[in-house]
Amino acid sequence: MHSILTRREREIFTRLVDNKTTQIIAGELGISEKTVRNHISNVMGKLGAASRIQAVLELIRLNELKL
């Protein structure tokens, strides 16, 4: 099965599930907060999700993320 997430998107959304902020995620990955937000927006667009939480729930439903 091919994942709909890139490696970086998975790294970001895994951290979102762990309740980390955009600022913390950016620091951990060594990228800007804007880049983190861009990745989140890209995933939301792929899924047609209106919010981060909706995207997370859909990714869990699709077995792309685990709690």
Protein backbone atom coordinates (compact mmCIF):
# COMPACT_ATOMS: atom_id res chain seq x y z
CA MET A 1 0.00 0.00 0.00
CA HIS A 2 1.30 3.44 -0.92
CA SER A 3 1.08 6.10 1.76
CA ILE A 4 -0.63 9.39 0.98
CA LEU A 5 1.81 11.12 3.32
CA THR A 6 5.39 12.06 2.55
CA ARG A 7 8.01 11.21 5.15
CA ARG A 8 8.04 14.81 6.39
CA GLU A 9 4.25 15.04 6.54
CA ARG A 10 4.20 11.85 8.61
CA GLU A 11 6.84 13.28 10.97
CA ILE A 12 4.73 16.40 11.46
CA PHE A 13 1.38 14.68 11.91
CA THR A 14 2.84 12.12 14.31
CA ARG A 15 3.96 15.04 16.45
CA LEU A 16 0.54 16.69 16.17
CA VAL A 17 -1.01 13.50 17.52
CA ASP A 18 1.44 13.83 20.43
CA ASN A 19 -0.10 17.29 21.07
CA LYS A 20 2.99 19.25 20.05
CA THR A 21 2.69 22.84 18.85
CA THR A 22 3.81 24.14 15.48
CA GLN A 23 6.69 25.90 17.22
CA ILE A 24 7.89 22.74 18.99
CA ILE A 25 7.55 20.64 15.81
CA ALA A 26 9.58 23.20 13.85
CA GLY A 27 12.33 23.16 16.48
CA GLU A 28 12.48 19.38 16.63
CA LEU A 29 12.69 19.03 12.86
CA GLY A 30 14.96 22.02 12.25
CA ILE A 31 12.51 23.75 9.91
CA SER A 32 10.51 26.97 10.11
CA GLU A 33 7.04 27.23 11.60
CA LYS A 34 5.83 28.40 8.18
CA THR A 35 7.13 25.18 6.61
CA VAL A 36 5.33 23.13 9.25
CA ARG A 37 2.09 25.02 8.53
CA ASN A 38 2.59 24.51 4.78
CA HIS A 39 2.94 20.75 5.24
CA ILE A 40 -0.20 20.68 7.40
CA SER A 41 -2.11 22.70 4.79
CA ASN A 42 -0.93 20.38 2.02
CA VAL A 43 -2.20 17.33 3.88
CA MET A 44 -5.50 19.04 4.67
CA GLY A 45 -5.85 19.76 0.95
CA LYS A 46 -5.10 16.16 -0.03
CA LEU A 47 -7.79 14.95 2.37
CA GLY A 48 -10.32 17.73 1.81
CA ALA A 49 -10.17 18.41 5.55
CA ALA A 50 -11.36 21.71 6.99
CA SER A 51 -9.21 21.52 10.14
CA ARG A 52 -6.11 19.88 11.57
CA ILE A 53 -8.20 17.64 13.80
CA GLN A 54 -10.33 16.53 10.87
CA ALA A 55 -7.13 15.69 8.97
CA VAL A 56 -5.76 13.73 11.95
CA LEU A 57 -9.01 11.79 12.34
CA GLU A 58 -9.08 10.95 8.63
CA LEU A 59 -5.45 9.82 8.69
CA ILE A 60 -6.22 7.55 11.64
CA ARG A 61 -9.26 6.17 9.81
CA LEU A 62 -7.08 5.48 6.76
CA ASN A 63 -4.49 3.74 8.97
CA GLU A 64 -1.90 6.38 8.07
CA LEU A 65 -1.48 7.35 11.74
CA LYS A 66 -1.81 5.53 15.02
CA LEU A 67 -2.79 6.95 18.40
